[in-house]
Protein backbone atom coordinates (compact mmCIF):
# COMPACT_ATOMS: atom_id res chain seq x y z
CA MET A 1 -0.09 0.15 0.00
CA ILE A 2 2.88 2.62 0.64
CA GLU A 3 4.42 1.90 -2.33
CA ARG A 4 0.99 2.45 -4.13
CA ILE A 5 1.27 6.07 -2.36
CA LYS A 6 4.54 6.89 -3.21
CA LYS A 7 3.94 6.64 -7.07
CA VAL A 8 1.02 8.91 -7.05
CA ASN A 9 2.00 12.12 -8.81
CA TRP A 10 2.18 15.15 -7.42
CA GLN A 11 -0.43 16.86 -9.74
CA ASP A 12 -2.95 14.03 -8.45
CA TRP A 13 -2.27 15.29 -4.87
CA VAL A 14 -3.19 19.01 -5.81
CA PHE A 15 -6.53 18.28 -7.67
CA ALA A 16 -7.38 16.06 -5.08
CA VAL A 17 -7.10 18.74 -1.93
CA GLY A 18 -8.96 21.18 -4.56
CA GLU A 19 -11.61 18.36 -4.81
CA VAL A 20 -11.57 17.70 -1.22
CA VAL A 21 -12.67 21.50 -1.01
CA PHE A 22 -15.09 21.37 -3.50
CA LEU A 23 -16.55 18.34 -1.89
CA VAL A 24 -16.79 19.60 1.81
CA GLY A 25 -18.45 23.02 0.43
CA LEU A 26 -20.97 21.24 -1.42
CA ILE A 27 -22.14 19.20 1.56
CA PRO A 28 -24.04 22.04 3.22
CA THR A 29 -26.05 22.60 -0.33
CA VAL A 30 -27.07 19.03 -0.19
CA ILE A 31 -28.50 19.30 3.26
CA ALA A 32 -29.94 22.93 3.06
CA ALA A 33 -33.75 23.58 1.99
CA ASP A 34 -32.52 25.82 -0.83
CA LYS A 35 -30.92 24.55 -3.84
CA PRO A 36 -29.33 25.44 -7.21
CA SER A 37 -31.16 25.22 -10.43
CA VAL A 38 -31.52 22.31 -12.43
CA TRP A 39 -29.63 24.30 -15.07
CA THR A 40 -26.79 24.59 -12.71
CA SER A 41 -26.75 20.94 -11.14
CA PHE A 42 -26.98 18.72 -14.17
CA PRO A 43 -24.44 20.55 -16.38
CA THR A 44 -21.96 20.57 -13.64
CA ALA A 45 -22.22 17.20 -12.81
CA ILE A 46 -22.03 16.42 -16.68
CA MET A 47 -18.56 18.29 -16.50
CA LEU A 48 -17.36 16.69 -13.92
CA PHE A 49 -18.03 13.33 -15.31
CA ALA A 50 -16.27 14.76 -18.44
CA PHE A 51 -13.35 15.66 -16.28
CA MET A 52 -13.06 12.11 -15.03
CA VAL A 53 -12.43 10.58 -18.11
CA VAL A 54 -9.17 12.82 -18.14
CA GLN A 55 -8.12 12.00 -14.79
CA TYR A 56 -8.48 8.53 -15.93
CA SER A 57 -6.40 8.73 -18.88
CA TYR A 58 -3.71 10.33 -16.49
CA LYS A 59 -4.07 7.74 -13.99
CA ASN A 60 -4.99 10.51 -11.46
CA TRP A 61 -6.94 7.67 -9.16
CA ILE A 62 -7.50 9.94 -6.16
CA THR A 63 -8.98 12.69 -7.96
CA PHE A 64 -10.71 10.56 -10.20
CA THR A 65 -12.73 8.90 -6.93
CA LEU A 66 -13.21 12.32 -5.54
CA THR A 67 -14.31 14.08 -8.36
CA PHE A 68 -16.93 11.03 -9.29
CA ILE A 69 -18.47 11.31 -5.62
CA THR A 70 -18.54 15.33 -6.04
CA ALA A 71 -20.39 14.84 -9.56
CA CYS A 72 -22.50 12.25 -7.77
CA LEU A 73 -23.68 15.27 -5.14
CA TRP A 74 -24.10 17.50 -8.08
CA VAL A 75 -26.47 14.84 -9.55
CA THR A 76 -28.21 14.52 -6.09
CA LEU A 77 -28.76 18.44 -6.04
CA GLY A 78 -30.25 18.34 -9.37
CA ILE A 79 -32.61 15.54 -8.58
CA GLN A 80 -33.69 17.44 -5.41
CA ALA A 81 -34.28 20.88 -7.28
CA LEU A 82 -36.54 18.73 -9.49
């Protein structure tokens, strides 16, 4: 496991930290009564899923996983806004 962590590139760590900030910042919105528009939620989720293709190609597995969670939260917000 330690060897796997050592092989993670620095770009993956930088993007992962940013993704954690987005993820943590999004949680209160999922819980709150007021929701963003569907026209904000679904396009954001679609773009995040597209970003995952690039992250997969660069083997940024940590960022890939965190982006998947964030995209799912945006889908959740879109469903809640319907």
